[in-house]
Protein backbone atom coordinates (compact mmCIF):
# COMPACT_ATOMS: atom_id res chain seq x y z
CA MET A 1 98.01 92.26 98.19
CA ASP A 2 96.66 92.16 94.58
CA HIS A 3 95.43 95.68 94.19
CA GLY A 4 92.27 95.89 92.13
CA ALA A 5 91.63 91.81 91.43
CA THR A 6 88.57 91.14 89.67
CA SER A 7 86.32 88.03 88.69
CA PRO A 8 84.92 87.79 85.63
CA LEU A 9 81.50 89.25 87.20
CA THR A 10 82.72 91.95 89.19
CA PRO A 11 84.60 95.37 87.51
CA ALA A 12 87.94 96.32 88.37
CA LEU A 13 87.94 98.41 91.56
CA ASP A 14 90.66 100.74 92.72
CA PHE A 15 91.51 99.69 96.24
CA HIS A 16 93.03 101.91 98.71
CA THR A 17 94.71 101.02 102.44
CA SER A 18 94.57 103.88 105.18
CA SER A 19 98.03 106.06 105.52
CA ARG A 20 97.71 104.74 109.17
CA CYS A 21 98.06 101.35 108.62
CA SER A 22 101.50 99.87 109.01
CA ASP A 23 103.13 96.66 107.91
CA GLY A 24 103.74 96.22 111.62
CA CYS A 25 100.42 94.77 112.03
CA GLY A 26 100.92 91.65 110.05
CA GLY A 27 98.23 92.37 107.39
CA CYS A 28 95.53 93.51 109.38
CA CYS A 29 94.40 96.47 107.57
CA VAL A 30 91.56 96.71 105.36
CA GLU A 31 91.44 98.40 101.66
CA VAL A 32 88.37 100.52 100.70
CA ALA A 33 87.33 101.01 97.09
CA GLN A 34 84.17 103.39 95.75
CA THR A 35 81.77 101.84 93.90
CA PRO A 36 78.99 103.49 91.69
CA THR A 37 76.46 102.80 94.59
CA GLY A 38 78.99 102.96 97.75
CA VAL A 39 81.89 101.42 98.74
CA THR A 40 83.59 98.09 98.97
CA LEU A 41 86.05 96.93 101.80
CA ARG A 42 88.32 94.31 101.20
CA ASP A 43 90.58 92.33 103.89
CA THR A 44 93.96 90.79 103.51
CA GLU A 45 92.61 87.50 102.03
CA GLY A 46 90.21 89.17 99.57
CA ARG A 47 87.11 88.87 101.21
CA THR A 48 84.78 92.03 100.26
CA VAL A 49 81.53 93.64 101.80
CA GLU A 50 79.92 96.01 100.10
CA TYR A 51 77.99 99.05 101.96
CA THR A 52 75.83 101.78 100.41
CA ASP A 53 76.89 105.18 100.54
CA GLN A 54 74.58 106.16 103.51
CA GLU A 55 75.77 103.07 105.51
CA TRP A 56 79.46 104.44 104.88
CA ALA A 57 78.49 107.73 105.93
CA ASP A 58 76.89 106.76 108.63
CA PHE A 59 79.80 104.50 109.69
CA LEU A 60 82.29 107.31 109.27
CA VAL A 61 79.84 109.37 111.70
CA GLY A 62 80.38 107.00 114.28
CA VAL A 63 84.23 106.73 113.42
CA ARG A 64 84.11 110.41 114.28
CA ARG A 65 82.45 110.46 117.13
CA GLY A 66 84.29 107.69 118.76
CA GLU A 67 81.54 104.92 118.84
CA PHE A 68 83.99 102.30 117.75
CA HIS A 69 87.05 103.32 120.15
CA ILE A 70 88.65 100.02 121.68
CA MET A 71 90.69 100.19 124.43
CA ARG A 72 93.71 98.53 123.76
CA ASP A 73 94.17 96.56 126.83
CA THR A 74 90.91 95.20 126.19
CA VAL A 75 91.58 93.69 122.67
CA THR A 76 94.73 92.27 124.11
CA GLY A 77 93.92 90.90 127.39
């Protein structure tokens, strides 16, 4: 993955990958970078999505509450 890739209109971002991400998942992890107004997520194909600080904080609260827990059997069939 090209960490911190930029375009002429995008400043360099310091992307980080979760320590729980494993090479065995075939590149299924996302990276996150702090920005002046929130965070930017990047997938393995370089696509990005930006979130405000409040949106990110709300997401993290939901994660801690288990709102996004998906049973593995549901995902894999």
